[in-house]
Amino acid sequence: MNIVLATRNRKKTVEIRRILAATGVVLQDLTDFPECPDVVEDGVTFQENAAKKALQVARWTGLPALADDSGLVVDCLGGAPGVWSARYALSDTIPNPTDADNLDKLLRAVRAYPPNERTARFECVLSLAHPDGQLNHFHGSVAGYIIDSPRGNNGFGYDPAFVPEGYDQTFAEMSGAQKDAISHRGRALVAFASALRGMMGATE
């Protein structure tokens, strides 16, 4: 089965391929379809954005498409950055924020709050769309807290500032396998892989 990942983020592609390696599915991403137009992520929930991306890519490529929308929800910031996680530092002076820009803004924002109030969670919604418009959704989340300063060189995004509940390491200090086992995307992908095995078995 061939599936197109609705992303040009190579780090995200590597992570998803690693978790789904045992399924036998062939995964491409949008770097294989450079002319596929970008999707405007204007939804107010992770599921709305994931569904919109998956549907547009499936219809454009003619292949099943898997899209994820995920982000960090910080309680003391009223749920921010939320669906704006990838664009959190967007401004007139930063029109194309990097991971470092977003992380810097987050750390500056939480400094006003004591450590015990910096509870947070990563959320992920995966949407699988078929060219005919059929949609399935898979969810995952992991709770934790935000630290004062970034630690670790693995992962991406807000990983250097997020410590999951029950651990002392940030996501960026964990190996890929350690993070996959507990991460929001890992949990959503486990649910997806289980459903995928059922789909592939039904077609054999």
N, C-alpha and C. Protein backbone atom coordinates (compact mmCIF):
# COMPACT_ATOMS: atom_id res chain seq x y z
N MET A 1 0.86 -1.19 0.00
CA MET A 1 0.00 0.00 0.00
C MET A 1 0.89 1.24 0.00
N ASN A 2 0.60 2.17 -0.90
CA ASN A 2 1.33 3.43 -0.97
C ASN A 2 0.52 4.53 -0.30
N ILE A 3 1.18 5.29 0.56
CA ILE A 3 0.54 6.42 1.25
C ILE A 3 1.46 7.63 1.13
N VAL A 4 0.86 8.78 0.88
CA VAL A 4 1.62 10.03 0.83
C VAL A 4 1.48 10.75 2.16
N LEU A 5 2.59 11.07 2.78
CA LEU A 5 2.56 11.88 3.99
C LEU A 5 2.41 13.34 3.58
N ALA A 6 1.41 14.00 4.12
CA ALA A 6 1.13 15.38 3.73
C ALA A 6 2.03 16.35 4.48
N THR A 7 3.32 16.24 4.23
CA THR A 7 4.29 17.11 4.89
C THR A 7 5.53 17.25 4.03
N ARG A 8 6.22 18.37 4.19
CA ARG A 8 7.55 18.56 3.62
C ARG A 8 8.60 18.62 4.72
N ASN A 9 8.18 18.35 5.94
CA ASN A 9 9.07 18.36 7.10
C ASN A 9 9.80 17.02 7.16
N ARG A 10 11.07 17.02 6.76
CA ARG A 10 11.81 15.77 6.65
C ARG A 10 11.98 15.09 8.01
N LYS A 11 12.13 15.87 9.08
CA LYS A 11 12.27 15.26 10.41
C LYS A 11 10.99 14.53 10.80
N LYS A 12 9.85 15.11 10.46
CA LYS A 12 8.58 14.45 10.76
C LYS A 12 8.44 13.17 9.93
N THR A 13 8.85 13.23 8.66
CA THR A 13 8.79 12.05 7.80
C THR A 13 9.65 10.92 8.36
N VAL A 14 10.86 11.26 8.80
CA VAL A 14 11.76 10.24 9.36
C VAL A 14 11.11 9.60 10.59
N GLU A 15 10.51 10.41 11.45
CA GLU A 15 9.88 9.89 12.66
C GLU A 15 8.73 8.96 12.32
N ILE A 16 7.88 9.36 11.38
CA ILE A 16 6.72 8.54 11.01
C ILE A 16 7.16 7.25 10.33
N ARG A 17 8.13 7.34 9.44
CA ARG A 17 8.64 6.13 8.78
C ARG A 17 9.22 5.17 9.81
N ARG A 18 9.92 5.68 10.80
CA ARG A 18 10.52 4.84 11.83
C ARG A 18 9.44 4.07 12.59
N ILE A 19 8.37 4.74 12.94
CA ILE A 19 7.33 4.11 13.74
C ILE A 19 6.51 3.11 12.92
N LEU A 20 6.35 3.39 11.63
CA LEU A 20 5.52 2.53 10.77
C LEU A 20 6.34 1.51 9.99
N ALA A 21 7.63 1.38 10.30
CA ALA A 21 8.52 0.52 9.50
C ALA A 21 8.00 -0.91 9.41
N ALA A 22 7.41 -1.42 10.49
CA ALA A 22 7.00 -2.82 10.51
C ALA A 22 5.72 -3.09 9.73
N THR A 23 5.02 -2.05 9.31
CA THR A 23 3.74 -2.27 8.61
C THR A 23 3.93 -2.66 7.15
N GLY A 24 5.09 -2.36 6.58
CA GLY A 24 5.32 -2.67 5.18
C GLY A 24 4.74 -1.68 4.20
N VAL A 25 4.10 -0.63 4.71
CA VAL A 25 3.53 0.38 3.83
C VAL A 25 4.65 1.22 3.21
N VAL A 26 4.45 1.63 1.96
CA VAL A 26 5.41 2.49 1.27
C VAL A 26 5.00 3.94 1.49
N LEU A 27 5.87 4.70 2.13
CA LEU A 27 5.55 6.08 2.48
C LEU A 27 6.35 7.06 1.64
N GLN A 28 5.64 7.94 0.95
CA GLN A 28 6.25 9.07 0.28
C GLN A 28 5.86 10.33 1.05
N ASP A 29 6.44 11.46 0.70
CA ASP A 29 5.96 12.71 1.28
C ASP A 29 5.92 13.77 0.19
N LEU A 30 5.64 15.00 0.54
CA LEU A 30 5.42 16.03 -0.47
C LEU A 30 6.70 16.48 -1.16
N THR A 31 7.86 16.06 -0.67
CA THR A 31 9.07 16.33 -1.43
C THR A 31 9.09 15.51 -2.72
N ASP A 32 8.30 14.44 -2.75
CA ASP A 32 8.15 13.64 -3.97
C ASP A 32 7.12 14.24 -4.92
N PHE A 33 6.37 15.22 -4.44
CA PHE A 33 5.34 15.90 -5.24
C PHE A 33 5.51 17.41 -5.10
N PRO A 34 6.62 17.94 -5.62
CA PRO A 34 6.94 19.35 -5.37
C PRO A 34 5.91 20.34 -5.91
N GLU A 35 5.09 19.93 -6.87
CA GLU A 35 4.11 20.85 -7.43
C GLU A 35 2.78 20.84 -6.67
N CYS A 36 2.66 19.95 -5.70
CA CYS A 36 1.42 19.91 -4.90
C CYS A 36 1.30 21.21 -4.11
N PRO A 37 0.19 21.91 -4.23
CA PRO A 37 0.07 23.21 -3.54
C PRO A 37 0.04 23.06 -2.03
N ASP A 38 0.54 24.08 -1.34
CA ASP A 38 0.48 24.11 0.11
C ASP A 38 -0.96 24.25 0.58
N VAL A 39 -1.23 23.68 1.72
CA VAL A 39 -2.57 23.76 2.31
C VAL A 39 -2.58 24.89 3.34
N VAL A 40 -3.60 25.73 3.28
CA VAL A 40 -3.76 26.79 4.27
C VAL A 40 -4.37 26.17 5.52
N GLU A 41 -3.60 26.16 6.61
CA GLU A 41 -4.06 25.54 7.85
C GLU A 41 -4.83 26.57 8.68
N ASP A 42 -6.10 26.74 8.34
CA ASP A 42 -6.91 27.76 9.01
C ASP A 42 -7.97 27.17 9.92
N GLY A 43 -7.85 25.88 10.26
CA GLY A 43 -8.78 25.26 11.17
C GLY A 43 -8.55 25.72 12.61
N VAL A 44 -9.57 25.56 13.43
CA VAL A 44 -9.46 25.97 14.83
C VAL A 44 -9.16 24.78 15.74
N THR A 45 -9.09 23.57 15.17
CA THR A 45 -8.72 22.37 15.93
C THR A 45 -7.67 21.60 15.15
N PHE A 46 -6.95 20.74 15.84
CA PHE A 46 -5.97 19.89 15.18
C PHE A 46 -6.64 18.99 14.15
N GLN A 47 -7.83 18.47 14.48
CA GLN A 47 -8.50 17.56 13.55
C GLN A 47 -8.92 18.27 12.27
N GLU A 48 -9.40 19.50 12.38
CA GLU A 48 -9.79 20.24 11.18
C GLU A 48 -8.60 20.43 10.25
N ASN A 49 -7.47 20.81 10.80
CA ASN A 49 -6.27 21.03 9.97
C ASN A 49 -5.77 19.73 9.35
N ALA A 50 -5.73 18.65 10.15
CA ALA A 50 -5.25 17.37 9.63
C ALA A 50 -6.14 16.87 8.50
N ALA A 51 -7.45 16.97 8.70
CA ALA A 51 -8.39 16.50 7.68
C ALA A 51 -8.26 17.31 6.40
N LYS A 52 -8.13 18.61 6.52
CA LYS A 52 -8.02 19.46 5.33
C LYS A 52 -6.75 19.12 4.54
N LYS A 53 -5.63 18.94 5.24
CA LYS A 53 -4.38 18.61 4.56
C LYS A 53 -4.48 17.25 3.86
N ALA A 54 -5.01 16.26 4.58
CA ALA A 54 -5.08 14.92 4.01
C ALA A 54 -5.98 14.88 2.78
N LEU A 55 -7.13 15.52 2.85
CA LEU A 55 -8.07 15.51 1.73
C LEU A 55 -7.48 16.19 0.49
N GLN A 56 -6.86 17.34 0.70
CA GLN A 56 -6.31 18.07 -0.45
C GLN A 56 -5.19 17.27 -1.12
N VAL A 57 -4.32 16.68 -0.32
CA VAL A 57 -3.20 15.93 -0.88
C VAL A 57 -3.69 14.64 -1.56
N ALA A 58 -4.66 13.96 -0.96
CA ALA A 58 -5.20 12.74 -1.56
C ALA A 58 -5.83 13.04 -2.92
N ARG A 59 -6.59 14.11 -2.99
CA ARG A 59 -7.24 14.45 -4.25
C ARG A 59 -6.24 14.90 -5.30
N TRP A 60 -5.17 15.59 -4.87
CA TRP A 60 -4.18 16.09 -5.83
C TRP A 60 -3.30 14.96 -6.36
N THR A 61 -2.89 14.03 -5.48
CA THR A 61 -1.98 12.96 -5.89
C THR A 61 -2.71 11.73 -6.42
N GLY A 62 -3.98 11.57 -6.04
CA GLY A 62 -4.71 10.36 -6.42
C GLY A 62 -4.35 9.16 -5.57
N LEU A 63 -3.66 9.39 -4.45
CA LEU A 63 -3.24 8.33 -3.54
C LEU A 63 -3.78 8.59 -2.14
N PRO A 64 -3.92 7.55 -1.32
CA PRO A 64 -4.27 7.81 0.08
C PRO A 64 -3.22 8.72 0.72
N ALA A 65 -3.68 9.65 1.53
CA ALA A 65 -2.77 10.62 2.16
C ALA A 65 -2.96 10.62 3.66
N LEU A 66 -1.85 10.68 4.37
CA LEU A 66 -1.86 10.73 5.83
C LEU A 66 -1.30 12.08 6.27
N ALA A 67 -2.11 12.82 7.01
CA ALA A 67 -1.69 14.13 7.51
C ALA A 67 -1.79 14.15 9.01
N ASP A 68 -0.86 14.84 9.64
CA ASP A 68 -1.01 15.02 11.07
C ASP A 68 -1.03 16.51 11.36
N ASP A 69 -1.80 16.86 12.35
CA ASP A 69 -1.67 18.20 12.91
C ASP A 69 -1.44 17.98 14.38
N SER A 70 -0.41 18.57 14.87
CA SER A 70 -0.03 18.34 16.26
C SER A 70 0.54 19.62 16.82
N GLY A 71 0.57 19.69 18.13
CA GLY A 71 1.11 20.88 18.75
C GLY A 71 1.15 20.78 20.24
N LEU A 72 1.66 21.82 20.83
CA LEU A 72 1.85 21.91 22.27
C LEU A 72 0.77 22.79 22.87
N VAL A 73 0.12 22.30 23.91
CA VAL A 73 -0.92 23.04 24.61
C VAL A 73 -0.41 23.31 26.03
N VAL A 74 -0.19 24.58 26.34
CA VAL A 74 0.37 24.96 27.65
C VAL A 74 -0.73 25.61 28.48
N ASP A 75 -1.00 25.04 29.64
CA ASP A 75 -2.15 25.47 30.44
C ASP A 75 -2.04 26.93 30.89
N CYS A 76 -0.87 27.33 31.38
CA CYS A 76 -0.76 28.69 31.91
C CYS A 76 -0.82 29.75 30.80
N LEU A 77 -0.69 29.32 29.56
CA LEU A 77 -0.78 30.25 28.42
C LEU A 77 -2.14 30.17 27.74
N GLY A 78 -3.12 29.62 28.47
CA GLY A 78 -4.47 29.55 27.93
C GLY A 78 -4.61 28.59 26.77
N GLY A 79 -3.72 27.59 26.70
CA GLY A 79 -3.78 26.60 25.62
C GLY A 79 -2.85 26.91 24.47
N ALA A 80 -2.20 28.06 24.48
CA ALA A 80 -1.24 28.40 23.43
C ALA A 80 0.01 27.53 23.60
N PRO A 81 0.75 27.31 22.52
CA PRO A 81 0.52 27.77 21.16
C PRO A 81 -0.54 27.00 20.38
N GLY A 82 -0.91 25.80 20.82
CA GLY A 82 -2.01 25.06 20.22
C GLY A 82 -1.85 24.86 18.72
N VAL A 83 -2.93 25.15 17.95
CA VAL A 83 -2.88 24.94 16.50
C VAL A 83 -1.89 25.88 15.82
N TRP A 84 -1.41 26.87 16.56
CA TRP A 84 -0.41 27.79 16.03
C TRP A 84 1.01 27.37 16.38
N SER A 85 1.21 26.14 16.83
CA SER A 85 2.52 25.70 17.31
C SER A 85 3.64 25.92 16.30
N ALA A 86 3.37 25.65 15.03
CA ALA A 86 4.42 25.80 14.02
C ALA A 86 4.62 27.25 13.59
N ARG A 87 3.68 28.11 14.00
CA ARG A 87 3.74 29.52 13.57
C ARG A 87 3.66 30.46 14.78
N TYR A 88 4.01 29.96 15.94
CA TYR A 88 3.81 30.69 17.18
C TYR A 88 4.53 32.04 17.19
N ALA A 89 5.73 32.10 16.63
CA ALA A 89 6.52 33.34 16.65
C ALA A 89 6.27 34.21 15.42
N LEU A 90 5.26 33.86 14.63
CA LEU A 90 4.96 34.64 13.42
C LEU A 90 4.68 36.10 13.77
N SER A 91 5.34 37.00 13.03
CA SER A 91 5.14 38.44 13.24
C SER A 91 5.65 39.17 12.01
N ASP A 92 5.48 40.48 12.02
CA ASP A 92 5.98 41.27 10.89
C ASP A 92 7.49 41.13 10.73
N THR A 93 8.18 40.97 11.85
CA THR A 93 9.64 40.85 11.80
C THR A 93 10.11 39.41 11.63
N ILE A 94 9.21 38.43 11.90
CA ILE A 94 9.55 37.02 11.71
C ILE A 94 8.45 36.39 10.85
N PRO A 95 8.49 36.60 9.53
CA PRO A 95 7.43 36.09 8.66
C PRO A 95 7.47 34.57 8.47
N ASN A 96 8.63 33.96 8.70
CA ASN A 96 8.77 32.51 8.55
C ASN A 96 9.49 31.95 9.78
N PRO A 97 8.77 31.81 10.89
CA PRO A 97 9.43 31.39 12.12
C PRO A 97 10.04 30.00 12.04
N THR A 98 11.22 29.85 12.63
CA THR A 98 11.88 28.56 12.73
C THR A 98 11.51 27.89 14.05
N ASP A 99 11.93 26.64 14.20
CA ASP A 99 11.73 25.96 15.49
C ASP A 99 12.36 26.77 16.61
N ALA A 100 13.55 27.32 16.36
CA ALA A 100 14.25 28.09 17.39
C ALA A 100 13.47 29.35 17.76
N ASP A 101 12.87 30.02 16.78
CA ASP A 101 12.07 31.21 17.05
C ASP A 101 10.87 30.86 17.93
N ASN A 102 10.18 29.79 17.58
CA ASN A 102 8.99 29.39 18.34
C ASN A 102 9.35 28.98 19.76
N LEU A 103 10.45 28.23 19.90
CA LEU A 103 10.88 27.78 21.22
C LEU A 103 11.28 28.97 22.08
N ASP A 104 11.98 29.92 21.50
CA ASP A 104 12.40 31.11 22.26
C ASP A 104 11.19 31.89 22.76
N LYS A 105 10.18 32.04 21.91
CA LYS A 105 8.98 32.77 22.34
C LYS A 105 8.27 32.03 23.47
N LEU A 106 8.19 30.70 23.36
CA LEU A 106 7.55 29.91 24.40
C LEU A 106 8.25 30.07 25.74
N LEU A 107 9.57 29.95 25.74
CA LEU A 107 10.33 30.03 26.99
C LEU A 107 10.21 31.41 27.62
N ARG A 108 10.17 32.46 26.79
CA ARG A 108 9.97 33.80 27.33
C ARG A 108 8.57 33.95 27.91
N ALA A 109 7.58 33.31 27.30
CA ALA A 109 6.20 33.44 27.76
C ALA A 109 5.97 32.74 29.10
N VAL A 110 6.63 31.60 29.33
CA VAL A 110 6.37 30.85 30.56
C VAL A 110 7.20 31.33 31.75
N ARG A 111 8.15 32.22 31.51
CA ARG A 111 8.99 32.69 32.61
C ARG A 111 8.19 33.41 33.69
N ALA A 112 7.05 33.93 33.34
CA ALA A 112 6.22 34.64 34.31
C ALA A 112 5.49 33.70 35.27
N TYR A 113 5.60 32.40 35.05
CA TYR A 113 4.84 31.43 35.85
C TYR A 113 5.80 30.50 36.58
N PRO A 114 5.45 30.11 37.83
CA PRO A 114 6.31 29.17 38.56
C PRO A 114 6.27 27.80 37.90
N PRO A 115 7.29 26.98 38.14
CA PRO A 115 7.37 25.67 37.47
C PRO A 115 6.14 24.80 37.63
N ASN A 116 5.50 24.84 38.81
CA ASN A 116 4.35 23.97 39.03
C ASN A 116 3.12 24.37 38.22
N GLU A 117 3.15 25.55 37.60
CA GLU A 117 2.03 26.00 36.78
C GLU A 117 2.29 25.81 35.29
N ARG A 118 3.43 25.23 34.95
CA ARG A 118 3.79 25.10 33.53
C ARG A 118 3.39 23.74 32.96
N THR A 119 2.28 23.21 33.41
CA THR A 119 1.80 21.93 32.88
C THR A 119 1.41 22.10 31.42
N ALA A 120 1.62 21.05 30.67
CA ALA A 120 1.39 21.13 29.23
C ALA A 120 1.12 19.73 28.68
N ARG A 121 0.71 19.68 27.45
CA ARG A 121 0.55 18.39 26.78
C ARG A 121 0.78 18.58 25.28
N PHE A 122 1.34 17.57 24.68
CA PHE A 122 1.42 17.49 23.23
C PHE A 122 0.20 16.72 22.74
N GLU A 123 -0.44 17.20 21.71
CA GLU A 123 -1.57 16.52 21.10
C GLU A 123 -1.30 16.27 19.63
N CYS A 124 -1.84 15.18 19.12
CA CYS A 124 -1.68 14.84 17.71
C CYS A 124 -2.97 14.23 17.18
N VAL A 125 -3.38 14.66 16.02
CA VAL A 125 -4.47 14.02 15.27
C VAL A 125 -3.92 13.63 13.90
N LEU A 126 -4.05 12.36 13.57
CA LEU A 126 -3.70 11.86 12.24
C LEU A 126 -4.99 11.65 11.46
N SER A 127 -5.02 12.14 10.23
CA SER A 127 -6.15 11.92 9.35
C SER A 127 -5.68 11.17 8.12
N LEU A 128 -6.35 10.07 7.82
CA LEU A 128 -6.09 9.32 6.59
C LEU A 128 -7.23 9.60 5.63
N ALA A 129 -6.90 10.15 4.47
CA ALA A 129 -7.91 10.49 3.46
C ALA A 129 -7.66 9.67 2.20
N HIS A 130 -8.74 9.26 1.58
CA HIS A 130 -8.68 8.61 0.28
C HIS A 130 -9.15 9.59 -0.78
N PRO A 131 -8.74 9.39 -2.02
CA PRO A 131 -9.14 10.34 -3.08
C PRO A 131 -10.65 10.52 -3.22
N ASP A 132 -11.43 9.51 -2.78
CA ASP A 132 -12.90 9.63 -2.87
C ASP A 132 -13.50 10.42 -1.71
N GLY A 133 -12.65 10.90 -0.80
CA GLY A 133 -13.14 11.71 0.31
C GLY A 133 -13.33 10.97 1.62
N GLN A 134 -13.13 9.65 1.62
CA GLN A 134 -13.26 8.89 2.86
C GLN A 134 -12.20 9.32 3.86
N LEU A 135 -12.57 9.48 5.12
CA LEU A 135 -11.66 9.98 6.16
C LEU A 135 -11.70 9.09 7.39
N ASN A 136 -10.52 8.89 8.00
CA ASN A 136 -10.42 8.25 9.30
C ASN A 136 -9.46 9.08 10.15
N HIS A 137 -9.74 9.14 11.47
CA HIS A 137 -8.92 9.95 12.37
C HIS A 137 -8.36 9.10 13.50
N PHE A 138 -7.15 9.45 13.93
CA PHE A 138 -6.47 8.73 15.00
C PHE A 138 -5.83 9.76 15.94
N HIS A 139 -5.98 9.55 17.25
CA HIS A 139 -5.58 10.56 18.22
C HIS A 139 -4.50 10.04 19.17
N GLY A 140 -3.67 10.97 19.64
CA GLY A 140 -2.67 10.64 20.65
C GLY A 140 -2.31 11.88 21.45
N SER A 141 -1.96 11.71 22.72
CA SER A 141 -1.54 12.85 23.54
C SER A 141 -0.58 12.36 24.63
N VAL A 142 0.23 13.30 25.13
CA VAL A 142 1.14 12.99 26.23
C VAL A 142 1.26 14.24 27.10
N ALA A 143 1.10 14.06 28.40
CA ALA A 143 1.16 15.18 29.34
C ALA A 143 2.57 15.34 29.89
N GLY A 144 2.88 16.57 30.34
CA GLY A 144 4.18 16.85 30.91
C GLY A 144 4.25 18.28 31.40
N TYR A 145 5.45 18.87 31.33
CA TYR A 145 5.60 20.27 31.78
C TYR A 145 6.75 20.93 31.02
N ILE A 146 6.78 22.26 31.08
CA ILE A 146 7.79 23.05 30.37
C ILE A 146 8.88 23.47 31.34
N ILE A 147 10.13 23.30 30.94
CA ILE A 147 11.27 23.68 31.79
C ILE A 147 11.78 25.07 31.42
N ASP A 148 12.74 25.56 32.20
CA ASP A 148 13.24 26.93 32.00
C ASP A 148 14.09 27.10 30.75
N SER A 149 14.95 26.11 30.49
CA SER A 149 15.92 26.24 29.40
C SER A 149 15.95 24.95 28.58
N PRO A 150 16.20 25.04 27.29
CA PRO A 150 16.20 23.84 26.44
C PRO A 150 17.32 22.89 26.80
N ARG A 151 17.02 21.59 26.68
CA ARG A 151 18.01 20.54 26.92
C ARG A 151 17.89 19.47 25.85
N GLY A 152 19.02 19.04 25.31
CA GLY A 152 19.03 17.94 24.35
C GLY A 152 19.11 18.40 22.91
N ASN A 153 19.60 17.49 22.07
CA ASN A 153 19.81 17.82 20.66
C ASN A 153 19.02 16.94 19.71
N ASN A 154 18.18 16.06 20.23
CA ASN A 154 17.37 15.21 19.36
C ASN A 154 16.00 15.84 19.14
N GLY A 155 15.19 15.20 18.32
CA GLY A 155 13.84 15.70 18.11
C GLY A 155 13.82 17.01 17.36
N PHE A 156 12.71 17.74 17.52
CA PHE A 156 12.54 19.01 16.83
C PHE A 156 11.43 19.79 17.53
N GLY A 157 11.18 20.99 17.04
CA GLY A 157 10.09 21.79 17.62
C GLY A 157 10.34 22.15 19.07
N TYR A 158 9.35 21.84 19.91
CA TYR A 158 9.43 22.19 21.33
C TYR A 158 10.02 21.07 22.18
N ASP A 159 10.52 20.01 21.54
CA ASP A 159 11.05 18.86 22.28
C ASP A 159 12.08 19.23 23.34
N PRO A 160 12.99 20.20 23.10
CA PRO A 160 14.01 20.49 24.12
C PRO A 160 13.47 21.11 25.41
N ALA A 161 12.21 21.56 25.39
CA ALA A 161 11.66 22.23 26.58
C ALA A 161 10.56 21.42 27.26
N PHE A 162 10.24 20.24 26.72
CA PHE A 162 9.11 19.45 27.23
C PHE A 162 9.60 18.19 27.92
N VAL A 163 9.22 18.04 29.20
CA VAL A 163 9.52 16.83 29.96
C VAL A 163 8.21 16.08 30.19
N PRO A 164 8.07 14.86 29.66
CA PRO A 164 6.83 14.11 29.86
C PRO A 164 6.68 13.63 31.30
N GLU A 165 5.44 13.46 31.73
CA GLU A 165 5.16 13.00 33.10
C GLU A 165 5.86 11.67 33.37
N GLY A 166 6.49 11.58 34.54
CA GLY A 166 7.15 10.36 34.94
C GLY A 166 8.58 10.23 34.47
N TYR A 167 9.09 11.27 33.80
CA TYR A 167 10.46 11.23 33.27
C TYR A 167 11.23 12.47 33.73
N ASP A 168 12.56 12.37 33.67
CA ASP A 168 13.43 13.50 33.98
C ASP A 168 14.04 14.10 32.72
N GLN A 169 13.97 13.36 31.62
CA GLN A 169 14.55 13.82 30.36
C GLN A 169 13.51 14.59 29.53
N THR A 170 14.01 15.55 28.76
CA THR A 170 13.15 16.16 27.75
C THR A 170 13.03 15.20 26.57
N PHE A 171 12.07 15.46 25.70
CA PHE A 171 11.96 14.66 24.48
C PHE A 171 13.26 14.73 23.67
N ALA A 172 13.93 15.89 23.70
CA ALA A 172 15.15 16.07 22.91
C ALA A 172 16.35 15.36 23.51
N GLU A 173 16.23 14.88 24.75
CA GLU A 173 17.30 14.12 25.38
C GLU A 173 17.09 12.61 25.22
N MET A 174 15.93 12.23 24.71
CA MET A 174 15.61 10.81 24.53
C MET A 174 16.05 10.32 23.17
N SER A 175 16.29 9.02 23.07
CA SER A 175 16.53 8.43 21.76
C SER A 175 15.22 8.41 20.99
N GLY A 176 15.33 8.20 19.68
CA GLY A 176 14.12 8.12 18.87
C GLY A 176 13.17 7.05 19.37
N ALA A 177 13.71 5.88 19.73
CA ALA A 177 12.87 4.77 20.20
C ALA A 177 12.17 5.11 21.51
N GLN A 178 12.90 5.78 22.43
CA GLN A 178 12.29 6.18 23.70
C GLN A 178 11.13 7.15 23.48
N LYS A 179 11.36 8.14 22.64
CA LYS A 179 10.31 9.12 22.38
C LYS A 179 9.13 8.47 21.68
N ASP A 180 9.39 7.63 20.67
CA ASP A 180 8.31 7.00 19.91
C ASP A 180 7.36 6.23 20.82
N ALA A 181 7.92 5.61 21.87
CA ALA A 181 7.12 4.75 22.74
C ALA A 181 6.08 5.51 23.55
N ILE A 182 6.30 6.81 23.77
CA ILE A 182 5.39 7.55 24.65
C ILE A 182 4.84 8.83 24.03
N SER A 183 5.34 9.21 22.86
CA SER A 183 4.95 10.51 22.31
C SER A 183 3.52 10.53 21.79
N HIS A 184 2.99 11.73 21.67
CA HIS A 184 1.65 11.94 21.12
C HIS A 184 1.55 11.36 19.71
N ARG A 185 2.56 11.63 18.87
CA ARG A 185 2.52 11.12 17.50
C ARG A 185 2.70 9.61 17.49
N GLY A 186 3.57 9.11 18.37
CA GLY A 186 3.77 7.67 18.46
C GLY A 186 2.48 6.95 18.83
N ARG A 187 1.75 7.51 19.78
CA ARG A 187 0.49 6.88 20.21
C ARG A 187 -0.55 6.93 19.11
N ALA A 188 -0.64 8.04 18.41
CA ALA A 188 -1.58 8.14 17.29
C ALA A 188 -1.19 7.17 16.17
N LEU A 189 0.11 7.03 15.93
CA LEU A 189 0.57 6.14 14.87
C LEU A 189 0.37 4.67 15.23
N VAL A 190 0.44 4.32 16.50
CA VAL A 190 0.13 2.95 16.92
C VAL A 190 -1.32 2.62 16.59
N ALA A 191 -2.22 3.56 16.88
CA ALA A 191 -3.63 3.36 16.55
C ALA A 191 -3.82 3.25 15.03
N PHE A 192 -3.11 4.11 14.29
CA PHE A 192 -3.20 4.07 12.83
C PHE A 192 -2.65 2.75 12.29
N ALA A 193 -1.51 2.30 12.81
CA ALA A 193 -0.90 1.06 12.32
C ALA A 193 -1.82 -0.13 12.55
N SER A 194 -2.50 -0.14 13.70
CA SER A 194 -3.44 -1.22 13.99
C SER A 194 -4.59 -1.23 12.98
N ALA A 195 -5.12 -0.04 12.69
CA ALA A 195 -6.20 0.06 11.70
C ALA A 195 -5.70 -0.29 10.31
N LEU A 196 -4.46 0.10 10.01
CA LEU A 196 -3.89 -0.16 8.69
C LEU A 196 -3.73 -1.67 8.46
N ARG A 197 -3.30 -2.38 9.48
CA ARG A 197 -3.17 -3.84 9.32
C ARG A 197 -4.51 -4.46 9.00
N GLY A 198 -5.58 -3.93 9.62
CA GLY A 198 -6.91 -4.42 9.32
C GLY A 198 -7.32 -4.12 7.89
N MET A 199 -7.00 -2.91 7.42
CA MET A 199 -7.33 -2.52 6.04
C MET A 199 -6.59 -3.40 5.03
N MET A 200 -5.28 -3.59 5.28
CA MET A 200 -4.47 -4.36 4.35
C MET A 200 -4.89 -5.83 4.35
N GLY A 201 -5.27 -6.34 5.54
CA GLY A 201 -5.73 -7.72 5.61
C GLY A 201 -7.04 -7.92 4.88
N ALA A 202 -7.90 -6.89 4.92
CA ALA A 202 -9.20 -7.00 4.26
C ALA A 202 -9.09 -7.03 2.75
N THR A 203 -7.95 -6.51 2.22
CA THR A 203 -7.79 -6.46 0.77
C THR A 203 -7.01 -7.65 0.22
N GLU A 204 -6.49 -8.49 1.12
CA GLU A 204 -5.71 -9.65 0.67
C GLU A 204 -6.62 -10.78 0.23
